[in-house]
Amino acid sequence: MEELRKRILISFVVLIVTTALSFIMHKQILAFLLIPADAITATPGRLVFVDVTEMFGVMMKVSMLSGFILASPIILLQIILFVSPGLTTSEKRYLYLFLPGVLLSFFSGAAFAYYVLIPPAMDFLINFGGNIAEPMIRISNYVNLVIMLIFWLGLVFETPIVMFILAKTRVVSSSTFRSWRRYWIVVAFILGAFITPTFDPINQALVAIPLIALFEIGTILSRFAGNK
């Protein structure tokens, strides 16, 4: 319990520091989040806030999310340090190797959402029906949408890591993963429809195709895990 209290305290202090730093830099972070929305920001006045506390709430949400992302390596390290006394030497080695892999996978998914998925999705949503009504987008709505896409894409990019762990712990074999391939294609397009805010097949495919590729990478990794 003393060790647990220590790890939680360190994580909490780091999270407060990174959140405070993010709040100080909230204007730069918001400007960064607005870059993919050329279809919105190209016209002045399209981003608005209608509630007195809305803009402050957006700043706090962005600051807390940025603070958590910055603190995530330290938080993961504290979790590993807490559970490591109960692991064997080989298990500890794999756990430390997985830490950069988990972070790299998440940030790769976040970058994919930011650079590849969000610009065409925003362009489609803003220009669809733009000749009928002039869009005035609430900044809270836009930020919530961007954060949701970045989070979910970062999460699904962990698929190969999860598959390798399942194969390494002998929960699922690589042959089982291969037999699931045809079902995963259907699941990938369902997830693509769930994650993307649009219903057009192009944006849906932008999510589904990387998911299928990630599943194939995970299948290859699980084969190496099963051989050893």
C-alpha atoms as a PDB file:
ATOM      1  CA  MET A   1       0.000   0.000   0.000  1.00  0.00           C
ATOM      2  CA  GLU A   2       2.890   2.347   0.717  1.00  0.00           C
ATOM      3  CA  GLU A   3       4.386   1.604  -2.695  1.00  0.00           C
ATOM      4  CA  LEU A   4       1.010   2.161  -4.354  1.00  0.00           C
ATOM      5  CA  ARG A   5       0.571   5.491  -2.568  1.00  0.00           C
ATOM      6  CA  LYS A   6       4.020   6.561  -3.721  1.00  0.00           C
ATOM      7  CA  ARG A   7       3.361   5.711  -7.379  1.00  0.00           C
ATOM      8  CA  ILE A   8      -0.052   7.434  -7.349  1.00  0.00           C
ATOM      9  CA  LEU A   9       1.428  10.543  -5.722  1.00  0.00           C
ATOM     10  CA  ILE A  10       4.218  10.814  -8.305  1.00  0.00           C
ATOM     11  CA  SER A  11       1.742  10.371 -11.175  1.00  0.00           C
ATOM     12  CA  PHE A  12      -0.633  12.938  -9.677  1.00  0.00           C
ATOM     13  CA  VAL A  13       2.104  15.555  -9.193  1.00  0.00           C
ATOM     14  CA  VAL A  14       3.415  15.048 -12.746  1.00  0.00           C
ATOM     15  CA  LEU A  15      -0.127  15.324 -14.120  1.00  0.00           C
ATOM     16  CA  ILE A  16      -0.729  18.603 -12.267  1.00  0.00           C
ATOM     17  CA  VAL A  17       2.557  20.066 -13.552  1.00  0.00           C
ATOM     18  CA  THR A  18       1.931  19.056 -17.182  1.00  0.00           C
ATOM     19  CA  THR A  19      -1.681  20.292 -17.033  1.00  0.00           C
ATOM     20  CA  ALA A  20      -0.527  23.647 -15.646  1.00  0.00           C
ATOM     21  CA  LEU A  21       2.061  23.964 -18.411  1.00  0.00           C
ATOM     22  CA  SER A  22      -0.575  23.073 -21.002  1.00  0.00           C
ATOM     23  CA  PHE A  23      -2.924  25.714 -19.591  1.00  0.00           C
ATOM     24  CA  ILE A  24      -0.196  28.335 -19.942  1.00  0.00           C
ATOM     25  CA  MET A  25       0.273  27.251 -23.576  1.00  0.00           C
ATOM     26  CA  HIS A  26      -3.441  26.755 -24.310  1.00  0.00           C
ATOM     27  CA  LYS A  27      -3.525  29.378 -27.087  1.00  0.00           C
ATOM     28  CA  GLN A  28      -0.733  27.649 -28.991  1.00  0.00           C
ATOM     29  CA  ILE A  29      -2.403  24.241 -28.469  1.00  0.00           C
ATOM     30  CA  LEU A  30      -5.757  25.520 -29.721  1.00  0.00           C
ATOM     31  CA  ALA A  31      -4.081  27.112 -32.728  1.00  0.00           C
ATOM     32  CA  PHE A  32      -2.462  23.739 -33.464  1.00  0.00           C
ATOM     33  CA  LEU A  33      -5.819  21.940 -33.240  1.00  0.00           C
ATOM     34  CA  LEU A  34      -7.362  24.442 -35.656  1.00  0.00           C
ATOM     35  CA  ILE A  35      -4.788  23.898 -38.414  1.00  0.00           C
ATOM     36  CA  PRO A  36      -6.588  20.918 -40.059  1.00  0.00           C
ATOM     37  CA  ALA A  37      -9.836  22.916 -40.222  1.00  0.00           C
ATOM     38  CA  ASP A  38      -9.026  25.096 -43.231  1.00  0.00           C
ATOM     39  CA  ALA A  39     -12.626  24.752 -44.350  1.00  0.00           C
ATOM     40  CA  ILE A  40     -13.671  26.466 -41.103  1.00  0.00           C
ATOM     41  CA  THR A  41     -10.901  28.921 -40.313  1.00  0.00           C
ATOM     42  CA  ALA A  42     -10.609  30.218 -43.883  1.00  0.00           C
ATOM     43  CA  THR A  43     -13.793  32.234 -43.285  1.00  0.00           C
ATOM     44  CA  PRO A  44     -13.727  34.598 -40.253  1.00  0.00           C
ATOM     45  CA  GLY A  45     -16.529  34.164 -37.752  1.00  0.00           C
ATOM     46  CA  ARG A  46     -17.267  30.510 -38.448  1.00  0.00           C
ATOM     47  CA  LEU A  47     -15.927  29.438 -35.049  1.00  0.00           C
ATOM     48  CA  VAL A  48     -18.044  30.931 -32.269  1.00  0.00           C
ATOM     49  CA  PHE A  49     -18.943  30.351 -28.640  1.00  0.00           C
ATOM     50  CA  VAL A  50     -22.411  31.097 -27.318  1.00  0.00           C
ATOM     51  CA  ASP A  51     -22.138  30.377 -23.593  1.00  0.00           C
ATOM     52  CA  VAL A  52     -20.292  32.586 -21.124  1.00  0.00           C
ATOM     53  CA  THR A  53     -18.243  29.686 -19.749  1.00  0.00           C
ATOM     54  CA  GLU A  54     -17.862  27.788 -23.041  1.00  0.00           C
ATOM     55  CA  MET A  55     -14.450  29.144 -24.026  1.00  0.00           C
ATOM     56  CA  PHE A  56     -13.042  28.597 -20.537  1.00  0.00           C
ATOM     57  CA  GLY A  57     -14.373  25.040 -20.573  1.00  0.00           C
ATOM     58  CA  VAL A  58     -12.680  24.408 -23.929  1.00  0.00           C
ATOM     59  CA  MET A  59      -9.384  25.729 -22.558  1.00  0.00           C
ATOM     60  CA  MET A  60      -9.614  23.492 -19.497  1.00  0.00           C
ATOM     61  CA  LYS A  61     -10.507  20.416 -21.549  1.00  0.00           C
ATOM     62  CA  VAL A  62      -7.625  20.992 -23.954  1.00  0.00           C
ATOM     63  CA  SER A  63      -5.224  21.666 -21.071  1.00  0.00           C
ATOM     64  CA  MET A  64      -6.226  18.514 -19.194  1.00  0.00           C
ATOM     65  CA  LEU A  65      -5.977  16.326 -22.285  1.00  0.00           C
ATOM     66  CA  SER A  66      -2.596  17.784 -23.265  1.00  0.00           C
ATOM     67  CA  GLY A  67      -1.387  17.412 -19.691  1.00  0.00           C
ATOM     68  CA  PHE A  68      -2.429  13.764 -19.626  1.00  0.00           C
ATOM     69  CA  ILE A  69      -0.682  13.066 -22.952  1.00  0.00           C
ATOM     70  CA  LEU A  70       2.521  14.713 -21.706  1.00  0.00           C
ATOM     71  CA  ALA A  71       2.351  12.844 -18.400  1.00  0.00           C
ATOM     72  CA  SER A  72       1.417   9.461 -19.918  1.00  0.00           C
ATOM     73  CA  PRO A  73       5.024   8.155 -20.234  1.00  0.00           C
ATOM     74  CA  ILE A  74       5.659   8.861 -16.544  1.00  0.00           C
ATOM     75  CA  ILE A  75       2.298   7.377 -15.516  1.00  0.00           C
ATOM     76  CA  LEU A  76       2.971   4.205 -17.525  1.00  0.00           C
ATOM     77  CA  LEU A  77       6.434   3.986 -16.002  1.00  0.00           C
ATOM     78  CA  GLN A  78       4.970   4.207 -12.484  1.00  0.00           C
ATOM     79  CA  ILE A  79       2.547   1.387 -13.315  1.00  0.00           C
ATOM     80  CA  ILE A  80       5.421  -0.756 -14.588  1.00  0.00           C
ATOM     81  CA  LEU A  81       7.541  -0.022 -11.510  1.00  0.00           C
ATOM     82  CA  PHE A  82       4.616  -0.989  -9.269  1.00  0.00           C
ATOM     83  CA  VAL A  83       3.922  -4.368 -10.913  1.00  0.00           C
ATOM     84  CA  SER A  84       7.539  -5.278 -11.783  1.00  0.00           C
ATOM     85  CA  PRO A  85       8.398  -6.956  -8.405  1.00  0.00           C
ATOM     86  CA  GLY A  86       5.816  -9.643  -9.182  1.00  0.00           C
ATOM     87  CA  LEU A  87       7.173 -10.422 -12.645  1.00  0.00           C
ATOM     88  CA  THR A  88       9.916 -12.709 -13.889  1.00  0.00           C
ATOM     89  CA  THR A  89      13.036 -11.332 -15.571  1.00  0.00           C
ATOM     90  CA  SER A  90      11.763 -12.081 -19.085  1.00  0.00           C
ATOM     91  CA  GLU A  91       8.373 -10.550 -18.282  1.00  0.00           C
ATOM     92  CA  LYS A  92      10.064  -7.391 -17.033  1.00  0.00           C
ATOM     93  CA  ARG A  93      12.113  -7.186 -20.220  1.00  0.00           C
ATOM     94  CA  TYR A  94       9.022  -7.432 -22.408  1.00  0.00           C
ATOM     95  CA  LEU A  95       7.187  -4.901 -20.267  1.00  0.00           C
ATOM     96  CA  TYR A  96       9.943  -2.306 -20.637  1.00  0.00           C
ATOM     97  CA  LEU A  97      10.110  -2.987 -24.370  1.00  0.00           C
ATOM     98  CA  PHE A  98       6.359  -2.494 -24.708  1.00  0.00           C
ATOM     99  CA  LEU A  99       6.419   0.966 -23.109  1.00  0.00           C
ATOM    100  CA  PRO A 100       7.916   2.814 -26.119  1.00  0.00           C
ATOM    101  CA  GLY A 101       5.858   0.616 -28.464  1.00  0.00           C
ATOM    102  CA  VAL A 102       2.585   1.556 -26.764  1.00  0.00           C
ATOM    103  CA  LEU A 103       3.444   5.262 -26.820  1.00  0.00           C
ATOM    104  CA  LEU A 104       4.630   5.134 -30.428  1.00  0.00           C
ATOM    105  CA  SER A 105       1.460   3.326 -31.533  1.00  0.00           C
ATOM    106  CA  PHE A 106      -0.813   5.827 -29.795  1.00  0.00           C
ATOM    107  CA  PHE A 107       0.986   8.873 -31.173  1.00  0.00           C
ATOM    108  CA  SER A 108       1.038   7.306 -34.649  1.00  0.00           C
ATOM    109  CA  GLY A 109      -2.729   6.926 -34.492  1.00  0.00           C
ATOM    110  CA  ALA A 110      -3.120  10.484 -33.213  1.00  0.00           C
ATOM    111  CA  ALA A 111      -0.920  11.796 -36.036  1.00  0.00           C
ATOM    112  CA  PHE A 112      -2.913   9.798 -38.587  1.00  0.00           C
ATOM    113  CA  ALA A 113      -6.145  11.341 -37.295  1.00  0.00           C
ATOM    114  CA  TYR A 114      -4.679  14.848 -37.280  1.00  0.00           C
ATOM    115  CA  TYR A 115      -2.954  14.852 -40.667  1.00  0.00           C
ATOM    116  CA  VAL A 116      -4.950  12.347 -42.739  1.00  0.00           C
ATOM    117  CA  LEU A 117      -8.485  11.924 -41.388  1.00  0.00           C
ATOM    118  CA  ILE A 118      -9.574  15.292 -39.946  1.00  0.00           C
ATOM    119  CA  PRO A 119      -8.899  17.578 -42.981  1.00  0.00           C
ATOM    120  CA  PRO A 120     -11.085  15.658 -45.501  1.00  0.00           C
ATOM    121  CA  ALA A 121     -13.724  14.958 -42.846  1.00  0.00           C
ATOM    122  CA  MET A 122     -13.976  18.658 -41.953  1.00  0.00           C
ATOM    123  CA  ASP A 123     -14.016  19.671 -45.591  1.00  0.00           C
ATOM    124  CA  PHE A 124     -16.881  17.268 -46.276  1.00  0.00           C
ATOM    125  CA  LEU A 125     -18.916  18.309 -43.224  1.00  0.00           C
ATOM    126  CA  ILE A 126     -18.522  22.057 -43.756  1.00  0.00           C
ATOM    127  CA  ASN A 127     -19.048  22.141 -47.530  1.00  0.00           C
ATOM    128  CA  PHE A 128     -21.926  19.663 -47.493  1.00  0.00           C
ATOM    129  CA  GLY A 129     -24.961  21.927 -47.594  1.00  0.00           C
ATOM    130  CA  GLY A 130     -22.811  25.070 -47.494  1.00  0.00           C
ATOM    131  CA  ASN A 131     -24.755  26.509 -50.411  1.00  0.00           C
ATOM    132  CA  ILE A 132     -27.954  26.301 -48.351  1.00  0.00           C
ATOM    133  CA  ALA A 133     -26.884  27.810 -45.019  1.00  0.00           C
ATOM    134  CA  GLU A 134     -23.846  29.631 -43.686  1.00  0.00           C
ATOM    135  CA  PRO A 135     -22.113  27.480 -41.054  1.00  0.00           C
ATOM    136  CA  MET A 136     -21.225  29.002 -37.690  1.00  0.00           C
ATOM    137  CA  ILE A 137     -19.441  26.253 -35.767  1.00  0.00           C
ATOM    138  CA  ARG A 138     -19.191  26.289 -31.984  1.00  0.00           C
ATOM    139  CA  ILE A 139     -15.575  25.940 -30.948  1.00  0.00           C
ATOM    140  CA  SER A 140     -16.538  23.435 -28.228  1.00  0.00           C
ATOM    141  CA  ASN A 141     -18.183  21.217 -30.844  1.00  0.00           C
ATOM    142  CA  TYR A 142     -15.121  21.345 -33.090  1.00  0.00           C
ATOM    143  CA  VAL A 143     -12.638  20.672 -30.254  1.00  0.00           C
ATOM    144  CA  ASN A 144     -14.722  17.769 -28.914  1.00  0.00           C
ATOM    145  CA  LEU A 145     -14.824  16.203 -32.371  1.00  0.00           C
ATOM    146  CA  VAL A 146     -11.073  16.569 -32.938  1.00  0.00           C
ATOM    147  CA  ILE A 147     -10.250  15.193 -29.477  1.00  0.00           C
ATOM    148  CA  MET A 148     -12.571  12.216 -30.012  1.00  0.00           C
ATOM    149  CA  LEU A 149     -10.987  11.351 -33.378  1.00  0.00           C
ATOM    150  CA  ILE A 150      -7.442  11.689 -32.039  1.00  0.00           C
ATOM    151  CA  PHE A 151      -8.232   9.547 -28.982  1.00  0.00           C
ATOM    152  CA  TRP A 152     -10.001   6.722 -30.841  1.00  0.00           C
ATOM    153  CA  LEU A 153      -7.443   6.529 -33.636  1.00  0.00           C
ATOM    154  CA  GLY A 154      -4.633   6.492 -31.087  1.00  0.00           C
ATOM    155  CA  LEU A 155      -6.410   3.688 -29.263  1.00  0.00           C
ATOM    156  CA  VAL A 156      -7.082   1.475 -32.281  1.00  0.00           C
ATOM    157  CA  PHE A 157      -3.461   1.828 -33.409  1.00  0.00           C
ATOM    158  CA  GLU A 158      -2.584  -0.251 -30.328  1.00  0.00           C
ATOM    159  CA  THR A 159      -4.072  -3.295 -32.095  1.00  0.00           C
ATOM    160  CA  PRO A 160      -0.744  -4.973 -33.051  1.00  0.00           C
ATOM    161  CA  ILE A 161       0.611  -4.549 -29.506  1.00  0.00           C
ATOM    162  CA  VAL A 162      -2.516  -6.120 -28.005  1.00  0.00           C
ATOM    163  CA  MET A 163      -2.407  -9.002 -30.486  1.00  0.00           C
ATOM    164  CA  PHE A 164       1.255  -9.686 -29.702  1.00  0.00           C
ATOM    165  CA  ILE A 165       0.540  -9.742 -25.954  1.00  0.00           C
ATOM    166  CA  LEU A 166      -2.402 -12.121 -26.444  1.00  0.00           C
ATOM    167  CA  ALA A 167      -0.228 -14.439 -28.518  1.00  0.00           C
ATOM    168  CA  LYS A 168       2.708 -14.217 -26.102  1.00  0.00           C
ATOM    169  CA  THR A 169       0.516 -15.126 -23.145  1.00  0.00           C
ATOM    170  CA  ARG A 170      -1.035 -17.955 -25.236  1.00  0.00           C
ATOM    171  CA  VAL A 171      -4.546 -16.571 -24.955  1.00  0.00           C
ATOM    172  CA  VAL A 172      -4.939 -16.533 -28.752  1.00  0.00           C
ATOM    173  CA  SER A 173      -2.691 -18.203 -31.330  1.00  0.00           C
ATOM    174  CA  SER A 174      -1.516 -16.698 -34.612  1.00  0.00           C
ATOM    175  CA  SER A 175      -3.539 -19.283 -36.552  1.00  0.00           C
ATOM    176  CA  THR A 176      -6.668 -18.097 -34.759  1.00  0.00           C
ATOM    177  CA  PHE A 177      -5.908 -14.525 -35.748  1.00  0.00           C
ATOM    178  CA  ARG A 178      -5.530 -15.613 -39.364  1.00  0.00           C
ATOM    179  CA  SER A 179      -8.906 -17.327 -39.249  1.00  0.00           C
ATOM    180  CA  TRP A 180     -10.448 -14.077 -37.967  1.00  0.00           C
ATOM    181  CA  ARG A 181      -9.151 -12.063 -40.943  1.00  0.00           C
ATOM    182  CA  ARG A 182     -12.412 -12.027 -42.931  1.00  0.00           C
ATOM    183  CA  TYR A 183     -14.389 -10.990 -39.842  1.00  0.00           C
ATOM    184  CA  TRP A 184     -11.914  -8.243 -39.016  1.00  0.00           C
ATOM    185  CA  ILE A 185     -12.470  -6.637 -42.433  1.00  0.00           C
ATOM    186  CA  VAL A 186     -16.156  -6.245 -41.568  1.00  0.00           C
ATOM    187  CA  VAL A 187     -15.295  -5.001 -38.054  1.00  0.00           C
ATOM    188  CA  ALA A 188     -12.815  -2.486 -39.512  1.00  0.00           C
ATOM    189  CA  PHE A 189     -15.481  -0.868 -41.684  1.00  0.00           C
ATOM    190  CA  ILE A 190     -17.939  -0.856 -38.780  1.00  0.00           C
ATOM    191  CA  LEU A 191     -15.340   0.877 -36.615  1.00  0.00           C
ATOM    192  CA  GLY A 192     -14.626   3.258 -39.491  1.00  0.00           C
ATOM    193  CA  ALA A 193     -18.300   4.230 -39.568  1.00  0.00           C
ATOM    194  CA  PHE A 194     -18.342   4.588 -35.772  1.00  0.00           C
ATOM    195  CA  ILE A 195     -15.165   6.676 -35.461  1.00  0.00           C
ATOM    196  CA  THR A 196     -15.614   9.033 -38.398  1.00  0.00           C
ATOM    197  CA  PRO A 197     -18.174  11.822 -38.022  1.00  0.00           C
ATOM    198  CA  THR A 198     -19.268  11.476 -41.662  1.00  0.00           C
ATOM    199  CA  PHE A 199     -21.184   8.776 -43.508  1.00  0.00           C
ATOM    200  CA  ASP A 200     -19.325   8.961 -46.816  1.00  0.00           C
ATOM    201  CA  PRO A 201     -17.388   5.815 -47.795  1.00  0.00           C
ATOM    202  CA  ILE A 202     -14.143   7.707 -48.458  1.00  0.00           C
ATOM    203  CA  ASN A 203     -13.618   8.815 -44.848  1.00  0.00           C
ATOM    204  CA  GLN A 204     -14.853   5.443 -43.650  1.00  0.00           C
ATOM    205  CA  ALA A 205     -12.223   3.723 -45.801  1.00  0.00           C
ATOM    206  CA  LEU A 206      -9.536   6.089 -44.467  1.00  0.00           C
ATOM    207  CA  VAL A 207     -10.058   4.457 -41.065  1.00  0.00           C
ATOM    208  CA  ALA A 208     -10.883   0.906 -42.175  1.00  0.00           C
ATOM    209  CA  ILE A 209      -7.848   0.364 -44.424  1.00  0.00           C
ATOM    210  CA  PRO A 210      -5.254   1.238 -41.708  1.00  0.00           C
ATOM    211  CA  LEU A 211      -7.160  -1.005 -39.271  1.00  0.00           C
ATOM    212  CA  ILE A 212      -6.902  -3.905 -41.703  1.00  0.00           C
ATOM    213  CA  ALA A 213      -3.177  -3.206 -42.165  1.00  0.00           C
ATOM    214  CA  LEU A 214      -2.692  -3.034 -38.383  1.00  0.00           C
ATOM    215  CA  PHE A 215      -4.413  -6.405 -38.000  1.00  0.00           C
ATOM    216  CA  GLU A 216      -2.042  -7.936 -40.558  1.00  0.00           C
ATOM    217  CA  ILE A 217       0.951  -6.472 -38.695  1.00  0.00           C
ATOM    218  CA  GLY A 218      -0.425  -7.903 -35.452  1.00  0.00           C
ATOM    219  CA  THR A 219      -0.856 -11.301 -37.104  1.00  0.00           C
ATOM    220  CA  ILE A 220       2.803 -11.298 -38.162  1.00  0.00           C
ATOM    221  CA  LEU A 221       3.936 -10.246 -34.680  1.00  0.00           C
ATOM    222  CA  SER A 222       1.799 -12.962 -33.078  1.00  0.00           C
ATOM    223  CA  ARG A 223       3.509 -15.552 -35.280  1.00  0.00           C
ATOM    224  CA  PHE A 224       6.901 -14.538 -33.884  1.00  0.00           C
ATOM    225  CA  ALA A 225       5.482 -14.597 -30.365  1.00  0.00           C
ATOM    226  CA  GLY A 226       4.124 -18.099 -30.865  1.00  0.00           C
ATOM    227  CA  ASN A 227       7.418 -19.447 -32.264  1.00  0.00           C
ATOM    228  CA  LYS A 228       9.296 -18.487 -29.110  1.00  0.00           C
END
